[in-house]
C-alpha atoms as a PDB file:
ATOM      1  CA  MET A   1       6.835 135.175  -9.716  1.00  0.00           C
ATOM      2  CA  SER A   2       5.259 131.762  -9.638  1.00  0.00           C
ATOM      3  CA  SER A   3       4.610 129.901  -6.390  1.00  0.00           C
ATOM      4  CA  LEU A   4       5.748 126.292  -6.352  1.00  0.00           C
ATOM      5  CA  ASP A   5       2.431 125.429  -4.711  1.00  0.00           C
ATOM      6  CA  THR A   6       0.625 126.262  -7.967  1.00  0.00           C
ATOM      7  CA  ILE A   7       2.872 124.198 -10.275  1.00  0.00           C
ATOM      8  CA  GLN A   8       1.187 120.814 -10.563  1.00  0.00           C
ATOM      9  CA  VAL A   9       4.052 119.020 -12.333  1.00  0.00           C
ATOM     10  CA  PHE A  10       6.439 120.146  -9.583  1.00  0.00           C
ATOM     11  CA  GLN A  11       4.006 119.092  -6.868  1.00  0.00           C
ATOM     12  CA  ALA A  12       3.418 115.670  -8.454  1.00  0.00           C
ATOM     13  CA  LEU A  13       7.150 114.919  -8.386  1.00  0.00           C
ATOM     14  CA  ASN A  14       7.626 116.479  -4.968  1.00  0.00           C
ATOM     15  CA  SER A  15       4.993 114.195  -3.468  1.00  0.00           C
ATOM     16  CA  SER A  16       6.613 111.047  -4.863  1.00  0.00           C
ATOM     17  CA  PRO A  17       8.714 108.971  -2.439  1.00  0.00           C
ATOM     18  CA  HIS A  18      11.047 108.125  -5.334  1.00  0.00           C
ATOM     19  CA  ALA A  19      11.774 111.587  -6.788  1.00  0.00           C
ATOM     20  CA  GLN A  20      14.276 113.873  -5.070  1.00  0.00           C
ATOM     21  CA  LEU A  21      14.576 117.608  -5.674  1.00  0.00           C
ATOM     22  CA  GLU A  22      18.203 118.709  -6.001  1.00  0.00           C
ATOM     23  CA  GLN A  23      17.470 122.415  -6.347  1.00  0.00           C
ATOM     24  CA  SER A  24      14.825 124.842  -7.541  1.00  0.00           C
ATOM     25  CA  ALA A  25      14.611 128.588  -8.058  1.00  0.00           C
ATOM     26  CA  SER A  26      12.254 131.226  -9.361  1.00  0.00           C
ATOM     27  CA  LEU A  27      14.070 132.954 -12.227  1.00  0.00           C
ATOM     28  CA  GLY A  28      11.654 135.869 -12.566  1.00  0.00           C
ATOM     29  CA  ASP A  29       9.107 136.621 -15.286  1.00  0.00           C
ATOM     30  CA  GLY A  30       6.937 133.660 -14.334  1.00  0.00           C
ATOM     31  CA  VAL A  31       9.669 131.068 -14.978  1.00  0.00           C
ATOM     32  CA  VAL A  32      10.766 128.489 -12.382  1.00  0.00           C
ATOM     33  CA  ALA A  33      13.618 125.986 -12.749  1.00  0.00           C
ATOM     34  CA  ALA A  34      13.974 122.652 -10.962  1.00  0.00           C
ATOM     35  CA  LEU A  35      16.513 119.826 -11.056  1.00  0.00           C
ATOM     36  CA  TRP A  36      15.339 116.322 -10.120  1.00  0.00           C
ATOM     37  CA  ASN A  37      16.600 112.798  -9.806  1.00  0.00           C
ATOM     38  CA  ASN A  38      14.184 109.881  -9.858  1.00  0.00           C
ATOM     39  CA  ARG A  39      14.126 106.104 -10.079  1.00  0.00           C
ATOM     40  CA  HIS A  40      11.530 103.327 -10.410  1.00  0.00           C
ATOM     41  CA  ASP A  41       8.588 105.703 -10.382  1.00  0.00           C
ATOM     42  CA  ALA A  42       5.270 106.370 -12.117  1.00  0.00           C
ATOM     43  CA  GLN A  43       3.816 109.837 -12.665  1.00  0.00           C
ATOM     44  CA  ASP A  44       0.515 111.157 -14.013  1.00  0.00           C
ATOM     45  CA  TYR A  45      -0.011 114.785 -15.026  1.00  0.00           C
ATOM     46  CA  HIS A  46      -3.602 115.983 -15.319  1.00  0.00           C
ATOM     47  CA  GLY A  47      -4.117 119.364 -16.960  1.00  0.00           C
ATOM     48  CA  PRO A  48      -1.372 121.455 -15.296  1.00  0.00           C
ATOM     49  CA  SER A  49      -1.804 125.206 -15.516  1.00  0.00           C
ATOM     50  CA  HIS A  50       1.860 125.796 -16.469  1.00  0.00           C
ATOM     51  CA  HIS A  51       3.825 124.796 -19.551  1.00  0.00           C
ATOM     52  CA  THR A  52       6.783 122.494 -18.821  1.00  0.00           C
ATOM     53  CA  LEU A  53      10.009 122.123 -20.789  1.00  0.00           C
ATOM     54  CA  SER A  54      12.210 119.236 -19.628  1.00  0.00           C
ATOM     55  CA  CYS A  55      15.618 117.856 -20.505  1.00  0.00           C
ATOM     56  CA  TYR A  56      17.030 114.467 -19.538  1.00  0.00           C
ATOM     57  CA  ILE A  57      20.457 115.090 -18.043  1.00  0.00           C
ATOM     58  CA  SER A  58      21.427 111.455 -17.450  1.00  0.00           C
ATOM     59  CA  GLY A  59      19.754 108.050 -17.523  1.00  0.00           C
ATOM     60  CA  GLY A  60      16.145 107.672 -18.600  1.00  0.00           C
ATOM     61  CA  THR A  61      16.843 105.041 -21.231  1.00  0.00           C
ATOM     62  CA  GLN A  62      13.976 102.900 -19.914  1.00  0.00           C
ATOM     63  CA  THR A  63      11.598 105.782 -19.231  1.00  0.00           C
ATOM     64  CA  TYR A  64       8.525 106.065 -21.439  1.00  0.00           C
ATOM     65  CA  ARG A  65       4.993 107.406 -21.730  1.00  0.00           C
ATOM     66  CA  ARG A  66       2.276 104.805 -21.279  1.00  0.00           C
ATOM     67  CA  ASP A  67       0.648 105.886 -24.559  1.00  0.00           C
ATOM     68  CA  GLN A  68       4.006 105.686 -26.404  1.00  0.00           C
ATOM     69  CA  PRO A  69       5.717 102.586 -24.960  1.00  0.00           C
ATOM     70  CA  ASP A  70       8.036 102.153 -27.944  1.00  0.00           C
ATOM     71  CA  LYS A  71       9.704 105.538 -27.426  1.00  0.00           C
ATOM     72  CA  LYS A  72      12.320 105.705 -24.691  1.00  0.00           C
ATOM     73  CA  GLY A  73      14.202 108.590 -23.152  1.00  0.00           C
ATOM     74  CA  ALA A  74      17.949 109.199 -23.191  1.00  0.00           C
ATOM     75  CA  PRO A  75      20.417 111.862 -22.046  1.00  0.00           C
ATOM     76  CA  GLY A  76      19.871 115.077 -23.995  1.00  0.00           C
ATOM     77  CA  LYS A  77      16.251 114.286 -24.923  1.00  0.00           C
ATOM     78  CA  LEU A  78      13.729 117.088 -24.431  1.00  0.00           C
ATOM     79  CA  CYS A  79       9.986 117.028 -23.763  1.00  0.00           C
ATOM     80  CA  VAL A  80       7.453 119.825 -24.263  1.00  0.00           C
ATOM     81  CA  LEU A  81       4.373 119.484 -22.050  1.00  0.00           C
ATOM     82  CA  PRO A  82       1.814 122.268 -22.644  1.00  0.00           C
ATOM     83  CA  ALA A  83      -0.547 123.531 -19.994  1.00  0.00           C
ATOM     84  CA  GLY A  84      -3.710 121.428 -19.925  1.00  0.00           C
ATOM     85  CA  HIS A  85      -2.091 118.272 -21.322  1.00  0.00           C
ATOM     86  CA  GLN A  86      -2.591 114.751 -19.959  1.00  0.00           C
ATOM     87  CA  SER A  87       0.275 112.265 -19.688  1.00  0.00           C
ATOM     88  CA  SER A  88       1.318 109.157 -17.736  1.00  0.00           C
ATOM     89  CA  TRP A  89       4.968 108.169 -17.314  1.00  0.00           C
ATOM     90  CA  VAL A  90       6.903 105.101 -16.197  1.00  0.00           C
ATOM     91  CA  VAL A  91      10.439 105.613 -14.876  1.00  0.00           C
ATOM     92  CA  ASN A  92      12.539 102.437 -14.904  1.00  0.00           C
ATOM     93  CA  GLY A  93      16.070 102.735 -13.587  1.00  0.00           C
ATOM     94  CA  ASP A  94      17.695 106.040 -12.728  1.00  0.00           C
ATOM     95  CA  LEU A  95      16.821 109.410 -14.244  1.00  0.00           C
ATOM     96  CA  ARG A  96      18.152 112.914 -13.710  1.00  0.00           C
ATOM     97  CA  LEU A  97      16.213 115.689 -15.402  1.00  0.00           C
ATOM     98  CA  ALA A  98      15.828 119.469 -15.423  1.00  0.00           C
ATOM     99  CA  HIS A  99      12.512 121.279 -15.707  1.00  0.00           C
ATOM    100  CA  LEU A 100      11.471 124.785 -16.660  1.00  0.00           C
ATOM    101  CA  TYR A 101       7.936 125.744 -15.630  1.00  0.00           C
ATOM    102  CA  ILE A 102       6.490 128.677 -17.606  1.00  0.00           C
ATOM    103  CA  ASN A 103       3.303 130.463 -16.638  1.00  0.00           C
ATOM    104  CA  PRO A 104       0.721 131.202 -19.374  1.00  0.00           C
ATOM    105  CA  GLU A 105       1.093 134.974 -19.023  1.00  0.00           C
ATOM    106  CA  GLN A 106       4.798 134.859 -19.898  1.00  0.00           C
ATOM    107  CA  PHE A 107       4.048 132.486 -22.776  1.00  0.00           C
ATOM    108  CA  ALA A 108       1.402 134.928 -24.058  1.00  0.00           C
ATOM    109  CA  LEU A 109       3.800 137.877 -23.803  1.00  0.00           C
ATOM    110  CA  ASN A 110       6.451 136.034 -25.803  1.00  0.00           C
ATOM    111  CA  CYS A 111       3.910 135.081 -28.495  1.00  0.00           C
ATOM    112  CA  VAL A 112       3.156 138.785 -28.940  1.00  0.00           C
ATOM    113  CA  THR A 113       6.749 140.033 -28.856  1.00  0.00           C
ATOM    114  CA  LEU A 114       8.448 137.170 -30.747  1.00  0.00           C
ATOM    115  CA  LEU A 115       5.776 136.096 -33.215  1.00  0.00           C
ATOM    116  CA  ASP A 116       3.572 139.210 -33.505  1.00  0.00           C
ATOM    117  CA  ARG A 117       0.548 136.964 -33.081  1.00  0.00           C
ATOM    118  CA  GLU A 118      -2.348 136.816 -30.676  1.00  0.00           C
ATOM    119  CA  PRO A 119      -1.703 134.152 -28.027  1.00  0.00           C
ATOM    120  CA  ARG A 120      -5.215 132.786 -28.696  1.00  0.00           C
ATOM    121  CA  GLU A 121      -4.090 131.879 -32.211  1.00  0.00           C
ATOM    122  CA  MET A 122      -1.085 129.917 -31.024  1.00  0.00           C
ATOM    123  CA  MET A 123      -0.632 126.546 -29.388  1.00  0.00           C
ATOM    124  CA  LEU A 124       2.406 124.918 -27.842  1.00  0.00           C
ATOM    125  CA  ARG A 125       2.794 121.525 -29.512  1.00  0.00           C
ATOM    126  CA  GLU A 126       3.149 118.593 -27.157  1.00  0.00           C
ATOM    127  CA  ASN A 127       6.322 116.708 -28.016  1.00  0.00           C
ATOM    128  CA  THR A 128       8.184 113.843 -26.387  1.00  0.00           C
ATOM    129  CA  PHE A 129      11.886 112.960 -26.598  1.00  0.00           C
ATOM    130  CA  ILE A 130      13.031 115.681 -29.018  1.00  0.00           C
ATOM    131  CA  ASP A 131      16.612 115.865 -30.244  1.00  0.00           C
ATOM    132  CA  ASP A 132      17.733 119.493 -29.949  1.00  0.00           C
ATOM    133  CA  PRO A 133      21.453 119.742 -29.075  1.00  0.00           C
ATOM    134  CA  GLN A 134      21.323 123.534 -28.742  1.00  0.00           C
ATOM    135  CA  GLN A 135      18.587 123.390 -26.123  1.00  0.00           C
ATOM    136  CA  ALA A 136      20.257 120.479 -24.335  1.00  0.00           C
ATOM    137  CA  GLU A 137      23.481 122.469 -24.118  1.00  0.00           C
ATOM    138  CA  ARG A 138      21.563 125.410 -22.617  1.00  0.00           C
ATOM    139  CA  PHE A 139      20.092 123.106 -19.977  1.00  0.00           C
ATOM    140  CA  HIS A 140      23.532 121.778 -19.096  1.00  0.00           C
ATOM    141  CA  ARG A 141      24.792 125.341 -18.662  1.00  0.00           C
ATOM    142  CA  LEU A 142      21.756 126.103 -16.533  1.00  0.00           C
ATOM    143  CA  ILE A 143      22.322 123.241 -14.087  1.00  0.00           C
ATOM    144  CA  SER A 144      26.046 124.012 -13.848  1.00  0.00           C
ATOM    145  CA  MET A 145      25.220 127.321 -12.147  1.00  0.00           C
ATOM    146  CA  ASN A 146      24.658 127.862  -8.447  1.00  0.00           C
ATOM    147  CA  TRP A 147      20.999 128.896  -8.209  1.00  0.00           C
ATOM    148  CA  SER A 148      21.280 129.791  -4.529  1.00  0.00           C
ATOM    149  CA  GLU A 149      23.971 132.395  -5.240  1.00  0.00           C
ATOM    150  CA  PRO A 150      22.186 135.633  -6.237  1.00  0.00           C
ATOM    151  CA  GLY A 151      24.620 136.692  -8.958  1.00  0.00           C
ATOM    152  CA  GLU A 152      24.619 133.348 -10.755  1.00  0.00           C
ATOM    153  CA  ARG A 153      20.866 132.948 -10.378  1.00  0.00           C
ATOM    154  CA  LEU A 154      20.400 136.202 -12.278  1.00  0.00           C
ATOM    155  CA  LEU A 155      22.504 134.832 -15.123  1.00  0.00           C
ATOM    156  CA  THR A 156      20.239 131.779 -15.213  1.00  0.00           C
ATOM    157  CA  SER A 157      17.300 134.121 -15.823  1.00  0.00           C
ATOM    158  CA  SER A 158      18.827 135.240 -19.116  1.00  0.00           C
ATOM    159  CA  LEU A 159      19.578 131.636 -20.048  1.00  0.00           C
ATOM    160  CA  ALA A 160      16.010 130.600 -19.192  1.00  0.00           C
ATOM    161  CA  HIS A 161      14.715 133.265 -21.568  1.00  0.00           C
ATOM    162  CA  GLU A 162      16.906 131.799 -24.325  1.00  0.00           C
ATOM    163  CA  LEU A 163      15.365 128.386 -23.649  1.00  0.00           C
ATOM    164  CA  LEU A 164      11.852 129.833 -23.645  1.00  0.00           C
ATOM    165  CA  ASP A 165      12.342 131.874 -26.819  1.00  0.00           C
ATOM    166  CA  HIS A 166      13.808 128.877 -28.679  1.00  0.00           C
ATOM    167  CA  MET A 167      10.925 126.678 -27.528  1.00  0.00           C
ATOM    168  CA  ILE A 168       8.352 129.186 -28.757  1.00  0.00           C
ATOM    169  CA  LEU A 169      10.044 129.682 -32.119  1.00  0.00           C
ATOM    170  CA  SER A 170      10.419 125.937 -32.734  1.00  0.00           C
ATOM    171  CA  GLN A 171       7.437 124.331 -30.970  1.00  0.00           C
ATOM    172  CA  VAL A 172       4.559 126.813 -31.342  1.00  0.00           C
ATOM    173  CA  GLY A 173       2.081 126.611 -34.212  1.00  0.00           C
ATOM    174  CA  LEU A 174      -1.290 127.971 -35.258  1.00  0.00           C
ATOM    175  CA  ARG A 175      -4.413 126.377 -33.820  1.00  0.00           C
ATOM    176  CA  ASP A 176      -6.320 124.461 -36.486  1.00  0.00           C
ATOM    177  CA  GLY A 177      -9.738 125.724 -37.504  1.00  0.00           C
ATOM    178  CA  LEU A 178      -9.771 128.559 -34.984  1.00  0.00           C
ATOM    179  CA  ARG A 179     -12.183 131.442 -35.534  1.00  0.00           C
ATOM    180  CA  LEU A 180     -11.384 134.276 -33.190  1.00  0.00           C
ATOM    181  CA  LYS A 181     -14.173 136.381 -31.769  1.00  0.00           C
ATOM    182  CA  GLY A 182     -13.576 139.598 -29.902  1.00  0.00           C
ATOM    183  CA  GLY A 183     -10.186 141.084 -29.275  1.00  0.00           C
ATOM    184  CA  LEU A 184      -8.449 143.842 -31.182  1.00  0.00           C
ATOM    185  CA  ALA A 185      -8.017 143.912 -34.943  1.00  0.00           C
ATOM    186  CA  PRO A 186      -4.476 142.925 -36.029  1.00  0.00           C
ATOM    187  CA  HIS A 187      -3.620 146.417 -37.289  1.00  0.00           C
ATOM    188  CA  LEU A 188      -4.674 147.944 -33.948  1.00  0.00           C
ATOM    189  CA  ARG A 189      -2.638 145.391 -32.044  1.00  0.00           C
ATOM    190  CA  ARG A 190       0.457 146.227 -34.103  1.00  0.00           C
ATOM    191  CA  GLN A 191      -0.113 149.961 -33.634  1.00  0.00           C
ATOM    192  CA  LEU A 192      -0.386 149.518 -29.875  1.00  0.00           C
ATOM    193  CA  VAL A 193       2.788 147.415 -29.663  1.00  0.00           C
ATOM    194  CA  ALA A 194       4.760 149.984 -31.664  1.00  0.00           C
ATOM    195  CA  PHE A 195       3.335 152.930 -29.718  1.00  0.00           C
ATOM    196  CA  ILE A 196       4.073 151.353 -26.326  1.00  0.00           C
ATOM    197  CA  GLU A 197       7.649 150.458 -27.312  1.00  0.00           C
ATOM    198  CA  GLN A 198       8.271 154.006 -28.542  1.00  0.00           C
ATOM    199  CA  ASN A 199       6.787 155.620 -25.448  1.00  0.00           C
ATOM    200  CA  LEU A 200       7.913 153.484 -22.525  1.00  0.00           C
ATOM    201  CA  ALA A 201       9.361 156.583 -20.830  1.00  0.00           C
ATOM    202  CA  GLU A 202       6.007 158.369 -20.948  1.00  0.00           C
ATOM    203  CA  PRO A 203       3.223 158.128 -18.321  1.00  0.00           C
ATOM    204  CA  LEU A 204       0.864 156.127 -20.536  1.00  0.00           C
ATOM    205  CA  SER A 205      -2.724 155.795 -19.345  1.00  0.00           C
ATOM    206  CA  LEU A 206      -5.464 153.290 -20.066  1.00  0.00           C
ATOM    207  CA  GLY A 207      -7.583 156.083 -21.515  1.00  0.00           C
ATOM    208  CA  GLN A 208      -4.825 157.149 -23.892  1.00  0.00           C
ATOM    209  CA  LEU A 209      -4.432 153.614 -25.254  1.00  0.00           C
ATOM    210  CA  ALA A 210      -8.205 153.110 -25.450  1.00  0.00           C
ATOM    211  CA  ARG A 211      -8.623 156.297 -27.518  1.00  0.00           C
ATOM    212  CA  MET A 212      -6.150 154.955 -30.078  1.00  0.00           C
ATOM    213  CA  CYS A 213      -8.665 152.155 -30.691  1.00  0.00           C
ATOM    214  CA  ALA A 214     -11.782 154.356 -30.369  1.00  0.00           C
ATOM    215  CA  LEU A 215     -13.009 152.247 -27.440  1.00  0.00           C
ATOM    216  CA  SER A 216     -14.133 152.904 -23.898  1.00  0.00           C
ATOM    217  CA  GLU A 217     -11.579 152.051 -21.237  1.00  0.00           C
ATOM    218  CA  TYR A 218     -13.690 149.099 -20.071  1.00  0.00           C
ATOM    219  CA  HIS A 219     -14.074 147.531 -23.509  1.00  0.00           C
ATOM    220  CA  PHE A 220     -10.488 148.285 -24.455  1.00  0.00           C
ATOM    221  CA  ALA A 221      -9.140 146.541 -21.313  1.00  0.00           C
ATOM    222  CA  ARG A 222     -11.283 143.469 -21.986  1.00  0.00           C
ATOM    223  CA  MET A 223     -10.336 143.280 -25.680  1.00  0.00           C
ATOM    224  CA  PHE A 224      -6.667 143.949 -24.929  1.00  0.00           C
ATOM    225  CA  ARG A 225      -6.582 140.996 -22.553  1.00  0.00           C
ATOM    226  CA  GLU A 226      -8.247 138.761 -25.142  1.00  0.00           C
ATOM    227  CA  SER A 227      -5.639 139.741 -27.747  1.00  0.00           C
ATOM    228  CA  PHE A 228      -2.509 139.887 -25.593  1.00  0.00           C
ATOM    229  CA  GLY A 229      -3.229 137.267 -22.944  1.00  0.00           C
ATOM    230  CA  LEU A 230      -2.709 139.684 -20.047  1.00  0.00           C
ATOM    231  CA  PRO A 231      -4.099 143.067 -18.909  1.00  0.00           C
ATOM    232  CA  PRO A 232      -2.694 146.343 -20.302  1.00  0.00           C
ATOM    233  CA  HIS A 233      -0.939 147.292 -17.065  1.00  0.00           C
ATOM    234  CA  GLN A 234       0.847 143.932 -16.850  1.00  0.00           C
ATOM    235  CA  TYR A 235       1.938 144.120 -20.488  1.00  0.00           C
ATOM    236  CA  LEU A 236       3.236 147.662 -20.023  1.00  0.00           C
ATOM    237  CA  LEU A 237       5.112 146.731 -16.839  1.00  0.00           C
ATOM    238  CA  ALA A 238       6.678 143.693 -18.538  1.00  0.00           C
ATOM    239  CA  ARG A 239       7.937 145.801 -21.440  1.00  0.00           C
ATOM    240  CA  ARG A 240       9.301 148.477 -19.095  1.00  0.00           C
ATOM    241  CA  LEU A 241      11.154 145.892 -17.034  1.00  0.00           C
ATOM    242  CA  ASN A 242      12.525 144.324 -20.215  1.00  0.00           C
ATOM    243  CA  ARG A 243      13.879 147.716 -21.302  1.00  0.00           C
ATOM    244  CA  ALA A 244      15.347 148.239 -17.832  1.00  0.00           C
ATOM    245  CA  ARG A 245      17.171 144.906 -17.989  1.00  0.00           C
ATOM    246  CA  GLU A 246      18.633 145.846 -21.379  1.00  0.00           C
ATOM    247  CA  LEU A 247      19.905 149.166 -19.996  1.00  0.00           C
ATOM    248  CA  LEU A 248      21.314 147.539 -16.856  1.00  0.00           C
ATOM    249  CA  ARG A 249      23.231 145.005 -18.945  1.00  0.00           C
ATOM    250  CA  SER A 250      24.542 147.378 -21.598  1.00  0.00           C
ATOM    251  CA  THR A 251      25.062 150.762 -19.894  1.00  0.00           C
ATOM    252  CA  ARG A 252      26.365 152.370 -16.708  1.00  0.00           C
ATOM    253  CA  LEU A 253      23.434 154.784 -16.480  1.00  0.00           C
ATOM    254  CA  PRO A 254      22.404 155.686 -12.916  1.00  0.00           C
ATOM    255  CA  PHE A 255      19.353 153.839 -11.625  1.00  0.00           C
ATOM    256  CA  GLY A 256      17.369 157.069 -11.417  1.00  0.00           C
ATOM    257  CA  HIS A 257      18.021 157.720 -15.101  1.00  0.00           C
ATOM    258  CA  ILE A 258      17.012 154.173 -16.021  1.00  0.00           C
ATOM    259  CA  ALA A 259      13.834 154.554 -13.962  1.00  0.00           C
ATOM    260  CA  LEU A 260      12.840 157.640 -15.963  1.00  0.00           C
ATOM    261  CA  GLU A 261      13.850 156.073 -19.288  1.00  0.00           C
ATOM    262  CA  CYS A 262      11.545 153.162 -18.549  1.00  0.00           C
ATOM    263  CA  GLY A 263       8.552 155.149 -17.326  1.00  0.00           C
ATOM    264  CA  PHE A 264       8.830 154.603 -13.579  1.00  0.00           C
ATOM    265  CA  ALA A 265       7.858 157.507 -11.345  1.00  0.00           C
ATOM    266  CA  SER A 266      11.006 157.316  -9.233  1.00  0.00           C
ATOM    267  CA  ALA A 267      14.110 155.260  -8.586  1.00  0.00           C
ATOM    268  CA  SER A 268      12.475 153.719  -5.507  1.00  0.00           C
ATOM    269  CA  HIS A 269       9.366 152.732  -7.487  1.00  0.00           C
ATOM    270  CA  PHE A 270      11.595 151.161 -10.137  1.00  0.00           C
ATOM    271  CA  SER A 271      13.665 149.341  -7.492  1.00  0.00           C
ATOM    272  CA  ASN A 272      10.591 147.880  -5.804  1.00  0.00           C
ATOM    273  CA  ARG A 273       9.062 146.678  -9.082  1.00  0.00           C
ATOM    274  CA  PHE A 274      12.370 145.229 -10.261  1.00  0.00           C
ATOM    275  CA  ARG A 275      12.918 143.330  -7.018  1.00  0.00           C
ATOM    276  CA  GLN A 276       9.376 141.933  -7.121  1.00  0.00           C
ATOM    277  CA  ALA A 277       9.869 140.674 -10.685  1.00  0.00           C
ATOM    278  CA  MET A 278      13.432 139.390 -10.457  1.00  0.00           C
ATOM    279  CA  GLY A 279      13.928 138.526  -6.791  1.00  0.00           C
ATOM    280  CA  ALA A 280      17.037 140.726  -6.746  1.00  0.00           C
ATOM    281  CA  THR A 281      17.943 144.399  -6.792  1.00  0.00           C
ATOM    282  CA  ALA A 282      18.848 146.300  -9.941  1.00  0.00           C
ATOM    283  CA  GLY A 283      22.381 146.654  -8.551  1.00  0.00           C
ATOM    284  CA  GLU A 284      22.743 142.897  -8.114  1.00  0.00           C
ATOM    285  CA  TYR A 285      21.418 142.340 -11.625  1.00  0.00           C
ATOM    286  CA  ARG A 286      23.910 144.794 -13.147  1.00  0.00           C
ATOM    287  CA  ALA A 287      26.801 143.292 -11.190  1.00  0.00           C
ATOM    288  CA  ALA A 288      25.931 139.778 -12.372  1.00  0.00           C
ATOM    289  CA  PHE A 289      26.036 140.761 -16.037  1.00  0.00           C
ATOM    290  CA  GLN A 290      28.986 143.146 -15.942  1.00  0.00           C
ATOM    291  CA  SER A 291      31.343 141.066 -13.815  1.00  0.00           C
END
């Protein structure tokens, strides 16, 4: 999970005497949500390490970017602010807005699983004041939930993934003029993805995956990270937890059975990993989605 201390956009607003945080919550999988109100403010963002997706909930009709003074915000408008971007904002009047902060590792994982592309090939396009009613409606559902109540906060995690997936499918494009060096060949990457998905229940090892690519474990781990944006063990854990969430939502299988189906050594190991990732127990997660 992401620490709020490392999210520069959050910290910039939090340090302003004009902005007020209504609520925030870590939603698991490197995604954090925050709801703000602000008025008569100015903000500068300098190369944040996280991607930010924002939606104006109310007001903002006199809010603009200093480099785009003719474009003004409005309720329902969305902004996509990639990691590393630079922007300066002027807030005139009242503004209420919701933010999703997405860490680069989760963005990389979604590029692989949604787009079947290396994260290095892809870039999140910076965009200001987008009209996207479907995304705006998701944000309104998100802020209508009680993030401090464990059951509802788990439902927001699923909704946040819908927001993230839609953003990636609609706002991500290929980097211009990029020549990739290093990393795994595309056919090897596809073979690895398919093999891992088919064998999540098995005790996969780094050596086993490296042999599929005829590489030493050291070189395989380095090239895997270049191609997937995160180390092999993190990718494997993310896919196992994703499978576990699917089984918790759609079945009544005992937790011990789910642990084995998803490649965890024991129910306790599964429970600890799940709680670390989601901030809730597997039982709480199942109850939230089956109530």
